[in-house]
Amino acid sequence: MHQISLKVGPAAFRIASSWRQPLDQLTRLYQAYPTANIENADFTVRLEPEKPWRKLIRPSVHIGGDFWLPDAAPLPLAQSLLAAEMGMNLQMALGWRRHLLLHASSVEKDGKALLMTGLSGSGKSTLSAMLAERGWRFMGDEFALLCLESGNITPFPRLISLKNEAIKAMQDVVPADRFGPEMRDTPKGDIRHLVPPQNAISGMDDPAKPALLLFPRFGYAPELRDMGQAEIFVRLTQASTNYVALGEAGFRALTKFVDQVPTQAMDYQSTDQAEELIESLWSKLL
């Protein structure tokens, strides 16, 4: 099998594939990232045909590795980059124990981190990508890594996964050479990956103190609402893939986070509205 290695934040991946295509795409998009020692990688992702003949006849990519889901459906070869990204997500979600993982995007300004979490379609990926083009440092899209001891957010600036209408919105403000191929009609709709700005990659070893948590909701009149700590705690446990596995350490880290980090629910109808609300909240923290 063909293979490459790469390092994103604290995690090192070995990615092996029966086809060159996904590895060539990954190599181009992750060219500014450091490589990892393949022998000492934290995780292995394997992209291979479910049956030998499916390598050449109607090629389909099965996602395997150190952790895998037995019922996961294979993807067509045209979506092999998505398969690789999903494989890395899966390894982190099921195998990472050094931090509390929150399904959230995060950006940094003034040494402090803004986190955004919510249901699919809430716009957190689009907002973090747009803020990264407007003076913030992008820290992560899929996972926010909460340090169990310090409570800081450790960057994990993978490619930004843009979906459907967000693709066109970001194409209007980002150079074409930072985009991966557009993949249509995936299980999540149309998807195109975006390489974060260079400062996200060069600063991916620099943690930030969490200063604000938002639960954005797209498509509603702009409004900010307070939330009770019990609701925040429950929703964050639901947004974590390893909270239960971490046991008492995860409970302590999340309790401290909820106690110390201001949180708001945010409704908005455009990225400009959201940015105005965010900047207003942020100015009050300084």
Protein backbone atom coordinates (compact mmCIF):
# COMPACT_ATOMS: atom_id res chain seq x y z
CA MET A 1 0.00 0.00 0.00
CA HIS A 2 1.02 3.61 -0.55
CA GLN A 3 1.47 5.66 2.60
CA ILE A 4 2.22 9.14 3.93
CA SER A 5 2.51 10.67 7.37
CA LEU A 6 1.47 14.03 8.74
CA LYS A 7 1.18 15.81 12.05
CA VAL A 8 -1.70 18.05 13.10
CA GLY A 9 -1.33 19.70 16.49
CA PRO A 10 -0.40 16.99 19.02
CA ALA A 11 -1.54 14.05 16.85
CA ALA A 12 0.53 12.16 14.28
CA PHE A 13 -1.15 10.09 11.56
CA ARG A 14 0.03 7.37 9.21
CA ILE A 15 -2.31 7.14 6.23
CA ALA A 16 -2.09 4.10 3.97
CA SER A 17 -4.07 3.68 0.77
CA SER A 18 -4.52 1.18 -2.02
CA TRP A 19 -4.80 4.15 -4.40
CA ARG A 20 -2.44 7.07 -4.96
CA GLN A 21 -5.26 9.57 -5.53
CA PRO A 22 -6.22 10.40 -1.93
CA LEU A 23 -2.60 10.55 -0.83
CA ASP A 24 -1.68 12.92 -3.66
CA GLN A 25 -4.58 15.17 -2.66
CA LEU A 26 -3.59 15.04 1.02
CA THR A 27 0.04 15.78 0.16
CA ARG A 28 -0.95 18.91 -1.73
CA LEU A 29 -3.40 20.21 0.87
CA TYR A 30 -1.17 19.40 3.87
CA GLN A 31 2.10 20.48 2.25
CA ALA A 32 2.70 23.23 4.83
CA TYR A 33 2.20 20.84 7.77
CA PRO A 34 5.05 18.93 9.42
CA THR A 35 5.46 15.25 8.61
CA ALA A 36 5.44 12.63 11.33
CA ASN A 37 7.61 9.61 11.99
CA ILE A 38 5.54 6.81 10.50
CA GLU A 39 6.86 4.29 13.00
CA ASN A 40 5.77 6.45 15.94
CA ALA A 41 2.42 7.66 14.60
CA ASP A 42 -0.43 7.88 17.09
CA PHE A 43 -2.92 6.45 14.61
CA THR A 44 -3.10 4.58 11.34
CA VAL A 45 -5.80 5.17 8.74
CA ARG A 46 -6.26 2.59 5.99
CA LEU A 47 -8.12 3.23 2.74
CA GLU A 48 -8.66 -0.01 0.87
CA PRO A 49 -11.29 -1.84 -1.17
CA GLU A 50 -13.81 -3.91 0.78
CA LYS A 51 -13.36 -6.67 -1.83
CA PRO A 52 -10.20 -7.11 -3.97
CA TRP A 53 -12.01 -6.51 -7.27
CA ARG A 54 -13.43 -3.20 -6.01
CA LYS A 55 -9.98 -1.66 -6.39
CA LEU A 56 -10.47 -1.56 -10.18
CA ILE A 57 -14.14 -2.34 -10.87
CA ARG A 58 -16.38 0.46 -9.61
CA PRO A 59 -13.67 1.40 -7.05
CA SER A 60 -14.99 1.98 -3.54
CA VAL A 61 -13.03 3.03 -0.47
CA HIS A 62 -13.49 1.29 2.86
CA ILE A 63 -12.24 3.27 5.88
CA GLY A 64 -10.17 1.21 8.29
CA GLY A 65 -7.33 1.72 10.72
CA ASP A 66 -6.63 1.35 14.42
CA PHE A 67 -10.31 2.12 15.02
CA TRP A 68 -13.08 1.45 12.54
CA LEU A 69 -16.85 1.07 12.34
CA PRO A 70 -17.99 -2.33 11.03
CA ASP A 71 -21.23 -0.98 9.57
CA ALA A 72 -19.72 2.06 7.80
CA ALA A 73 -20.58 2.14 4.10
CA PRO A 74 -17.66 2.54 1.65
CA LEU A 75 -17.32 5.72 -0.40
CA PRO A 76 -16.64 6.01 -4.14
CA LEU A 77 -13.04 6.66 -5.16
CA ALA A 78 -14.00 10.20 -6.22
CA GLN A 79 -14.68 10.89 -2.53
CA SER A 80 -11.48 9.27 -1.26
CA LEU A 81 -10.19 12.55 0.22
CA LEU A 82 -13.35 12.70 2.32
CA ALA A 83 -12.72 9.08 3.34
CA ALA A 84 -9.21 9.99 4.54
CA GLU A 85 -10.48 12.96 6.54
CA MET A 86 -13.29 10.86 8.03
CA GLY A 87 -10.71 8.21 8.92
CA MET A 88 -8.60 10.74 10.84
CA ASN A 89 -11.72 12.03 12.61
CA LEU A 90 -12.64 8.48 13.58
CA GLN A 91 -9.22 7.73 15.08
CA MET A 92 -9.36 10.88 17.20
CA ALA A 93 -12.97 10.35 18.27
CA LEU A 94 -12.46 6.76 19.40
CA GLY A 95 -8.82 6.70 20.44
CA TRP A 96 -7.60 10.05 21.78
CA ARG A 97 -7.22 10.31 25.56
CA ARG A 98 -4.77 13.16 26.18
CA HIS A 99 -7.47 15.85 26.04
CA LEU A 100 -11.20 16.14 26.46
CA LEU A 101 -12.54 16.27 22.91
CA LEU A 102 -15.40 18.65 22.19
CA HIS A 103 -17.15 18.63 18.82
CA ALA A 104 -16.55 22.34 18.28
CA SER A 105 -14.71 24.84 16.13
CA SER A 106 -12.26 27.24 17.75
CA VAL A 107 -10.42 30.43 16.85
CA GLU A 108 -8.02 32.63 18.82
CA LYS A 109 -7.44 36.33 19.29
CA ASP A 110 -5.39 38.16 21.92
CA GLY A 111 -4.24 34.82 23.34
CA LYS A 112 -7.82 33.77 24.11
CA ALA A 113 -9.97 31.16 22.42
CA LEU A 114 -13.53 31.38 21.16
CA LEU A 115 -15.32 28.03 20.86
CA MET A 116 -18.48 27.35 18.87
CA THR A 117 -20.50 24.16 19.08
CA GLY A 118 -23.92 23.06 17.95
CA LEU A 119 -25.90 20.75 15.73
CA SER A 120 -24.99 20.11 12.11
CA GLY A 121 -26.04 23.13 10.06
CA SER A 122 -25.45 25.63 12.87
CA GLY A 123 -22.68 27.23 10.81
CA LYS A 124 -19.78 26.79 13.22
CA SER A 125 -17.37 25.66 10.48
CA THR A 126 -18.30 28.55 8.19
CA LEU A 127 -18.01 31.06 11.02
CA SER A 128 -14.60 29.81 12.14
CA ALA A 129 -13.35 29.80 8.53
CA MET A 130 -14.63 33.34 7.93
CA LEU A 131 -13.22 34.67 11.21
CA ALA A 132 -9.85 33.12 10.28
CA GLU A 133 -9.85 35.36 7.20
CA ARG A 134 -10.67 38.42 9.32
CA GLY A 135 -7.91 38.57 11.89
CA TRP A 136 -8.50 35.53 14.08
CA ARG A 137 -6.22 32.47 14.27
CA PHE A 138 -7.97 29.28 13.26
CA MET A 139 -7.45 26.51 15.85
CA GLY A 140 -9.77 23.74 14.71
CA ASP A 141 -12.99 22.80 12.99
CA GLU A 142 -13.98 19.27 13.97
CA PHE A 143 -12.54 19.03 17.49
CA ALA A 144 -11.56 21.43 20.26
CA LEU A 145 -8.95 19.79 22.50
CA LEU A 146 -9.43 20.80 26.14
CA CYS A 147 -6.31 20.16 28.25
CA LEU A 148 -7.20 18.12 31.33
CA GLU A 149 -4.69 19.92 33.55
CA SER A 150 -4.46 23.54 32.41
CA GLY A 151 -7.91 23.94 30.89
CA ASN A 152 -6.36 25.51 27.78
CA ILE A 153 -7.42 24.71 24.22
CA THR A 154 -4.76 22.89 22.20
CA PRO A 155 -4.91 23.66 18.46
CA PHE A 156 -5.93 20.93 16.03
CA PRO A 157 -6.09 22.90 12.76
CA ARG A 158 -7.09 20.24 10.24
CA LEU A 159 -8.53 21.13 6.86
CA ILE A 160 -11.81 23.02 7.18
CA SER A 161 -14.74 20.96 5.88
CA LEU A 162 -17.11 23.28 4.03
CA LYS A 163 -20.57 22.06 3.09
CA ASN A 164 -23.12 23.16 0.52
CA GLU A 165 -23.75 26.96 0.58
CA ALA A 166 -20.63 27.56 2.70
CA ILE A 167 -18.44 26.53 -0.25
CA LYS A 168 -19.56 29.45 -2.41
CA ALA A 169 -19.34 31.87 0.52
CA MET A 170 -15.69 31.02 1.15
CA GLN A 171 -14.78 30.88 -2.55
CA ASP A 172 -15.65 34.57 -2.70
CA VAL A 173 -12.95 35.47 -0.14
CA VAL A 174 -10.25 32.77 -0.34
CA PRO A 175 -7.77 32.07 -3.19
CA ALA A 176 -8.56 29.00 -5.29
CA ASP A 177 -5.23 27.28 -4.52
CA ARG A 178 -6.29 26.74 -0.89
CA PHE A 179 -9.24 24.53 -1.85
CA GLY A 180 -9.41 20.80 -2.37
CA PRO A 181 -11.62 19.17 -4.98
CA GLU A 182 -15.37 19.68 -4.71
CA MET A 183 -17.12 16.41 -3.93
CA ARG A 184 -20.80 16.34 -4.81
CA ASP A 185 -23.58 14.20 -3.42
CA THR A 186 -21.63 12.82 -0.48
CA PRO A 187 -23.53 11.47 2.55
CA LYS A 188 -23.21 15.02 3.96
CA GLY A 189 -24.09 16.88 0.75
CA ASP A 190 -21.54 18.78 -1.33
CA ILE A 191 -18.19 19.10 0.44
CA ARG A 192 -14.99 20.98 -0.28
CA HIS A 193 -11.98 21.18 2.03
CA LEU A 194 -10.16 24.43 2.73
CA VAL A 195 -6.57 24.81 3.90
CA PRO A 196 -6.44 27.12 6.97
CA PRO A 197 -4.36 30.31 6.82
CA GLN A 198 -0.64 29.93 7.38
CA ASN A 199 -0.74 31.41 10.90
CA ALA A 200 -3.00 28.52 11.97
CA ILE A 201 -0.40 26.00 10.84
CA SER A 202 2.66 27.83 12.17
CA GLY A 203 0.87 28.41 15.50
CA MET A 204 -0.54 24.94 15.99
CA ASP A 205 1.72 24.30 18.99
CA ASP A 206 0.45 27.44 20.76
CA PRO A 207 -2.54 26.82 23.08
CA ALA A 208 -5.02 29.49 24.15
CA LYS A 209 -7.13 30.07 27.22
CA PRO A 210 -10.86 29.58 26.52
CA ALA A 211 -12.65 32.90 26.95
CA LEU A 212 -16.05 32.45 25.29
CA LEU A 213 -18.32 29.57 24.23
CA LEU A 214 -21.12 30.09 21.72
CA PHE A 215 -23.97 27.85 20.64
CA PRO A 216 -24.75 29.37 17.21
CA ARG A 217 -28.03 28.77 15.39
CA PHE A 218 -28.32 29.83 11.76
CA GLY A 219 -31.48 31.15 10.12
CA TYR A 220 -33.04 33.09 12.99
CA ALA A 221 -33.26 36.79 13.80
CA PRO A 222 -30.01 37.94 15.47
CA GLU A 223 -30.16 37.48 19.21
CA LEU A 224 -27.96 36.52 22.16
CA ARG A 225 -29.41 34.47 25.02
CA ASP A 226 -28.08 33.36 28.38
CA MET A 227 -27.92 29.63 29.14
CA GLY A 228 -28.04 27.77 32.44
CA GLN A 229 -24.93 25.88 33.54
CA ALA A 230 -26.81 22.57 33.77
CA GLU A 231 -27.90 22.85 30.14
CA ILE A 232 -24.39 23.85 29.03
CA PHE A 233 -22.83 20.90 30.87
CA VAL A 234 -25.26 18.35 29.43
CA ARG A 235 -24.92 19.68 25.89
CA LEU A 236 -21.12 19.56 26.11
CA THR A 237 -21.14 15.97 27.38
CA GLN A 238 -23.24 15.16 24.32
CA ALA A 239 -20.74 17.01 22.14
CA SER A 240 -17.76 15.05 23.48
CA THR A 241 -16.63 11.73 22.03
CA ASN A 242 -14.41 10.73 24.94
CA TYR A 243 -16.01 12.29 28.03
CA VAL A 244 -17.17 8.91 29.38
CA ALA A 245 -13.86 7.20 28.59
CA LEU A 246 -11.90 9.84 30.53
CA GLY A 247 -13.92 9.26 33.69
CA GLU A 248 -13.22 11.55 36.63
CA ALA A 249 -10.54 13.51 34.74
CA GLY A 250 -13.05 14.40 32.04
CA PHE A 251 -15.68 15.37 34.62
CA ARG A 252 -13.28 17.69 36.46
CA ALA A 253 -12.07 19.33 33.24
CA LEU A 254 -15.58 19.91 31.91
CA THR A 255 -16.91 21.17 35.25
CA LYS A 256 -14.07 23.70 35.47
CA PHE A 257 -14.70 24.78 31.87
CA VAL A 258 -18.43 25.34 32.44
CA ASP A 259 -17.76 27.23 35.69
CA GLN A 260 -15.18 29.58 34.19
CA VAL A 261 -16.07 30.20 30.53
CA PRO A 262 -18.86 32.69 29.66
CA THR A 263 -21.43 31.09 27.36
CA GLN A 264 -24.16 32.45 25.09
CA ALA A 265 -26.63 31.04 22.58
CA MET A 266 -26.41 33.05 19.37
CA ASP A 267 -29.00 33.28 16.58
CA TYR A 268 -27.99 34.86 13.26
CA GLN A 269 -28.96 35.05 9.60
CA SER A 270 -25.63 35.96 7.99
CA THR A 271 -21.93 35.73 8.77
CA ASP A 272 -21.77 39.53 8.97
CA GLN A 273 -24.46 39.51 11.67
CA ALA A 274 -22.65 36.76 13.55
CA GLU A 275 -19.32 38.57 13.37
CA GLU A 276 -20.91 41.77 14.71
CA LEU A 277 -22.40 39.87 17.66
CA ILE A 278 -19.12 38.05 18.31
CA GLU A 279 -17.02 41.22 18.20
CA SER A 280 -19.47 42.91 20.58
CA LEU A 281 -19.20 40.06 23.07
CA TRP A 282 -15.43 39.85 22.63
CA SER A 283 -14.90 43.55 23.37
CA LYS A 284 -16.61 43.08 26.72
CA LEU A 285 -14.12 40.37 27.69
CA LEU A 286 -11.06 42.62 27.27
